[in-house]
Amino acid sequence: MRIGDKSFTMDSGNCSGRLNGRRFGLLGGGGVRGKGFSLHLEPVVAATGRPRWFVRPGRVGIMDGEVQLPGFSSLPHQGTAIISKDLKSATFSLGSPPRITGNWKCR
């Protein structure tokens, strides 16, 4: 993950969960900041109008999430991801400015 001239690496994560969640690194709680991110991808809207929660390849909106990085107090958490055809990796961009860019790979 990159913001400005700073780069951050998260060594572990999870590519499954509720609401098309993607979580990498560690998020703090109770006033303690971590180093990680949790993103929720937008659902597919079925012909019935109901949201369908599955990941699909291509450009997908990031509708919500949380980003915690050392040295930053308030970071964007909405943007766009480009999911690979095999659904196992993606690049993403959040906010503007500050813009955060990065990628993830599911195992």
Protein backbone atom coordinates (compact mmCIF):
# COMPACT_ATOMS: atom_id res chain seq x y z
CA MET A 1 0.00 0.00 0.00
CA ARG A 2 1.35 3.42 -0.89
CA ILE A 3 0.39 6.92 0.20
CA GLY A 4 2.53 9.76 -1.11
CA ASP A 5 6.17 8.71 -0.82
CA LYS A 6 5.52 6.17 1.97
CA SER A 7 5.06 2.46 1.40
CA PHE A 8 3.46 -0.06 3.78
CA THR A 9 3.43 -3.87 3.55
CA MET A 10 0.84 -6.12 5.19
CA ASP A 11 1.99 -9.73 5.37
CA SER A 12 -1.31 -11.41 6.15
CA GLY A 13 -4.94 -11.01 5.33
CA ASN A 14 -8.31 -12.45 4.50
CA CYS A 15 -10.22 -12.40 1.21
CA SER A 16 -13.53 -13.72 2.42
CA GLY A 17 -16.23 -12.69 4.76
CA ARG A 18 -19.41 -10.73 4.91
CA LEU A 19 -20.17 -7.99 2.40
CA ASN A 20 -17.35 -8.86 -0.02
CA GLY A 21 -14.79 -7.99 2.65
CA ARG A 22 -11.03 -7.82 2.13
CA ARG A 23 -8.89 -7.42 5.25
CA PHE A 24 -5.12 -7.17 5.48
CA GLY A 25 -2.76 -6.21 8.29
CA LEU A 26 -3.94 -5.41 11.80
CA LEU A 27 -6.54 -2.81 12.70
CA GLY A 28 -6.44 -1.29 16.17
CA GLY A 29 -9.35 -0.51 18.43
CA GLY A 30 -10.10 1.49 21.55
CA GLY A 31 -7.90 4.40 20.49
CA VAL A 32 -4.96 2.19 19.47
CA ARG A 33 -4.04 2.57 15.79
CA GLY A 34 -2.92 -0.37 13.69
CA LYS A 35 -1.39 -0.93 10.27
CA GLY A 36 -3.91 -2.41 7.87
CA PHE A 37 -7.06 -2.03 5.87
CA SER A 38 -10.54 -3.48 5.68
CA LEU A 39 -12.54 -2.82 2.51
CA HIS A 40 -16.07 -3.74 1.42
CA LEU A 41 -16.68 -4.14 -2.31
CA GLU A 42 -19.96 -3.01 -3.85
CA PRO A 43 -22.50 -5.77 -4.55
CA VAL A 44 -23.91 -6.75 -7.92
CA VAL A 45 -27.53 -5.63 -8.23
CA ALA A 46 -29.71 -8.46 -9.54
CA ALA A 47 -32.58 -7.93 -11.98
CA THR A 48 -34.92 -8.09 -8.98
CA GLY A 49 -33.12 -5.07 -7.50
CA ARG A 50 -31.64 -7.09 -4.64
CA PRO A 51 -27.91 -6.85 -3.91
CA ARG A 52 -25.93 -10.03 -4.58
CA TRP A 53 -22.75 -10.33 -2.51
CA PHE A 54 -20.18 -12.04 -4.67
CA VAL A 55 -16.89 -10.89 -6.16
CA ARG A 56 -16.60 -10.51 -9.92
CA PRO A 57 -13.66 -9.60 -12.18
CA GLY A 58 -13.10 -6.10 -13.50
CA ARG A 59 -13.70 -2.65 -12.02
CA VAL A 60 -15.60 -2.75 -8.73
CA GLY A 61 -16.44 0.11 -6.40
CA ILE A 62 -15.16 0.09 -2.83
CA MET A 63 -18.14 1.36 -0.87
CA ASP A 64 -16.74 1.44 2.65
CA GLY A 65 -13.96 0.32 4.89
CA GLU A 66 -11.23 1.41 7.23
CA VAL A 67 -7.58 2.25 6.66
CA GLN A 68 -5.09 2.64 9.51
CA LEU A 69 -1.47 3.53 8.80
CA PRO A 70 1.23 4.81 11.18
CA GLY A 71 1.65 8.58 10.97
CA PHE A 72 -1.77 9.26 9.39
CA SER A 73 -4.89 10.17 11.34
CA SER A 74 -7.68 10.32 8.75
CA LEU A 75 -7.52 8.35 5.52
CA PRO A 76 -10.00 7.74 2.69
CA HIS A 77 -11.87 4.45 2.60
CA GLN A 78 -13.86 4.64 -0.64
CA GLY A 79 -12.58 4.13 -4.16
CA THR A 80 -12.17 1.53 -6.88
CA ALA A 81 -10.64 -1.93 -7.17
CA ILE A 82 -9.76 -3.79 -10.36
CA ILE A 83 -10.22 -7.51 -9.68
CA SER A 84 -8.26 -10.07 -11.71
CA LYS A 85 -10.03 -12.64 -13.89
CA ASP A 86 -9.14 -15.45 -11.46
CA LEU A 87 -10.56 -13.33 -8.56
CA LYS A 88 -7.38 -13.91 -6.50
CA SER A 89 -5.74 -10.49 -6.79
CA ALA A 90 -6.56 -6.84 -7.33
CA THR A 91 -5.17 -3.33 -7.45
CA PHE A 92 -7.02 -0.51 -5.77
CA SER A 93 -7.13 3.23 -5.33
CA LEU A 94 -8.78 5.11 -2.48
CA GLY A 95 -9.59 8.80 -2.13
CA SER A 96 -8.22 11.97 -3.66
CA PRO A 97 -6.26 13.56 -1.97
CA PRO A 98 -4.61 11.92 -0.19
CA ARG A 99 -4.70 9.07 -2.68
CA ILE A 100 -3.87 5.59 -1.43
CA THR A 101 -2.92 2.92 -3.94
CA GLY A 102 -2.15 -0.72 -3.41
CA ASN A 103 -2.86 -4.32 -4.26
CA TRP A 104 -3.84 -7.54 -2.59
CA LYS A 105 -3.43 -11.20 -3.37
CA CYS A 106 -5.65 -13.95 -2.00
CA ARG A 107 -4.16 -17.37 -1.38
